Structure formats: C-alpha cells, structure tokens
Amino acid sequence: MTEQQAKQIREMREQGIGYRSIALTVGLSRDIVRNFCKSRGLSGYGSALTKNIQEQVMLGKACLYCGKEMKQLDTGRPKKFCSDKCRRDTRNESTEKKVPCTLRCVCVAVKSS
C-alpha cells in the first residue's frame, strides 16, 4: 500500500464511506482496507465513525490529522497531533494548498512639476 492510498483511505473513511467502496476506489481488497482502518482506529459504522472522530477532535482527544485517539498530559499545552509525522504532514498539506500570487504590479513613475 502506498502513502497516497493510505491517505485516500483515511480521508474516505473519515467521510463515512464503507470498506467495499473504498477498496473499489483505491484498488485494494476489502480486507486490506478493513485491516488498515482497524489498526488506525477507523473501524465501525461509517456514519457513527465520522461523528465520533469529529467529537473527539473537538474535545482534543483525537489527532487533528489522522483522528487517532491520544492521551493528553496533565501539564503543559494540550497536544493537537498524535505524532511528529502527523504534525509535519498537516504542515506540508497546508503549504501545498497555497497558490502563489500571479499578479504583477506595474509601477508608473509620476513626474512632479
């Protein structure tokens, strides 16, 4: 399974899509998709899973990137991500979405009389 397939499975599962539909889209077997989801805490009914992940993220009990359950420490600032990899992937995705400005400014010199 490639990183792209794993990312696509995670995104589709968080939207509440079932294992079979994901497997057909990604080109893997249903069992591979199901095992991947189980190992990352994405198992269960799709609609219930989506609602549960959203609630957990809002409460700070789940990773903002992958939705994996995480334990908060008693001291310090609450964690947003379960690992450095999730934090980096989130940052990389946000920088990829930024579109560089294509407008060019034309300065006109104004002569004072």
Protein backbone atom coordinates (compact mmCIF):
# COMPACT_ATOMS: atom_id res chain seq x y z
CA MET A 1 0.00 0.00 0.00
CA THR A 2 1.37 3.39 -0.97
CA GLU A 3 1.27 6.59 1.10
CA GLN A 4 -1.24 8.02 -1.37
CA GLN A 5 -3.54 5.02 -0.96
CA ALA A 6 -3.28 5.22 2.83
CA LYS A 7 -4.12 8.93 2.77
CA GLN A 8 -7.06 8.33 0.44
CA ILE A 9 -8.39 5.50 2.64
CA ARG A 10 -8.16 7.67 5.75
CA GLU A 11 -9.94 10.62 4.08
CA MET A 12 -12.73 8.45 2.64
CA ARG A 13 -13.23 6.59 5.91
CA GLU A 14 -13.50 9.86 7.84
CA GLN A 15 -16.26 10.86 5.42
CA GLY A 16 -18.17 7.74 6.44
CA ILE A 17 -17.60 5.67 3.29
CA GLY A 18 -17.67 1.87 3.68
CA TYR A 19 -14.81 -0.58 3.28
CA ARG A 20 -16.04 -2.08 0.00
CA SER A 21 -16.49 1.31 -1.71
CA ILE A 22 -13.07 2.44 -0.56
CA ALA A 23 -11.49 -0.82 -1.76
CA LEU A 24 -13.00 -0.42 -5.24
CA THR A 25 -11.85 3.19 -5.48
CA VAL A 26 -8.31 2.60 -4.21
CA GLY A 27 -7.79 -0.73 -5.98
CA LEU A 28 -7.13 -2.90 -2.92
CA SER A 29 -9.09 -5.75 -1.37
CA ARG A 30 -11.79 -5.04 1.19
CA ASP A 31 -9.86 -6.97 3.84
CA ILE A 32 -6.72 -4.89 3.37
CA VAL A 33 -8.75 -1.70 3.72
CA ARG A 34 -10.58 -3.05 6.78
CA ASN A 35 -7.36 -4.16 8.48
CA PHE A 36 -5.74 -0.80 7.76
CA CYS A 37 -8.73 1.01 9.26
CA LYS A 38 -8.85 -1.25 12.32
CA SER A 39 -5.17 -0.70 13.05
CA ARG A 40 -5.68 3.07 12.97
CA GLY A 41 -8.89 3.27 14.97
CA LEU A 42 -11.12 3.89 11.94
CA SER A 43 -13.31 0.81 12.30
CA GLY A 44 -17.06 0.70 12.88
CA TYR A 45 -20.07 2.05 11.03
CA GLY A 46 -19.12 4.89 8.72
CA SER A 47 -21.66 7.48 9.89
CA ALA A 48 -21.02 6.79 13.58
CA LEU A 49 -17.28 6.87 12.97
CA THR A 50 -17.42 10.29 11.29
CA LYS A 51 -19.44 11.79 14.12
CA ASN A 52 -17.27 10.17 16.79
CA ILE A 53 -14.00 11.38 15.23
CA GLN A 54 -15.31 14.94 14.91
CA GLU A 55 -16.37 14.94 18.56
CA GLN A 56 -13.04 13.54 19.72
CA VAL A 57 -11.07 16.11 17.70
CA MET A 58 -13.16 18.98 19.09
CA LEU A 59 -12.55 17.73 22.65
CA GLY A 60 -8.81 17.40 21.99
CA LYS A 61 -8.87 13.63 22.48
CA ALA A 62 -8.02 12.75 18.87
CA CYS A 63 -5.31 13.79 16.41
CA LEU A 64 -6.30 16.63 14.07
CA TYR A 65 -4.66 14.85 11.12
CA CYS A 66 -5.38 11.14 11.40
CA GLY A 67 -8.15 11.05 14.03
CA LYS A 68 -6.23 8.55 16.16
CA GLU A 69 -7.12 8.63 19.84
CA MET A 70 -4.45 10.22 22.03
CA LYS A 71 -3.88 10.82 25.71
CA GLN A 72 -3.33 14.35 26.98
CA LEU A 73 -0.68 15.08 29.58
CA ASP A 74 -1.67 16.71 32.87
CA THR A 75 0.72 19.63 32.45
CA GLY A 76 1.51 21.95 29.60
CA ARG A 77 -0.33 22.82 26.45
CA PRO A 78 -2.75 20.21 25.05
CA LYS A 79 -1.44 18.15 22.13
CA LYS A 80 -3.10 18.57 18.74
CA PHE A 81 -1.33 15.73 16.91
CA CYS A 82 -0.51 12.17 17.93
CA SER A 83 2.98 12.25 16.40
CA ASP A 84 5.55 14.45 14.71
CA LYS A 85 4.70 12.76 11.40
CA CYS A 86 1.05 13.91 11.61
CA ARG A 87 2.16 17.43 12.54
CA ARG A 88 4.60 17.58 9.59
CA ASP A 89 2.07 16.09 7.14
CA THR A 90 -0.50 18.69 8.17
CA ARG A 91 2.01 21.48 7.68
CA ASN A 92 3.09 20.08 4.28
CA GLU A 93 -0.52 19.84 3.07
CA SER A 94 -1.29 23.39 4.10
CA THR A 95 1.76 24.75 2.25
CA GLU A 96 0.87 22.74 -0.88
CA LYS A 97 -2.59 24.31 -0.96
CA LYS A 98 -1.22 27.84 -1.01
CA VAL A 99 -1.36 29.27 -4.50
CA PRO A 100 1.43 31.68 -5.36
CA CYS A 101 0.37 35.13 -6.41
CA THR A 102 0.42 35.56 -10.18
CA LEU A 103 -0.45 39.25 -10.22
CA ARG A 104 2.29 41.63 -11.19
CA CYS A 105 2.29 45.23 -10.14
CA VAL A 106 3.11 47.87 -12.71
CA CYS A 107 4.62 50.97 -11.21
CA VAL A 108 4.11 54.20 -13.07
CA ALA A 109 6.62 56.91 -12.38
CA VAL A 110 4.90 60.21 -11.73
CA LYS A 111 6.89 63.33 -12.55
CA SER A 112 6.30 66.23 -10.24
CA SER A 113 6.17 69.66 -11.85
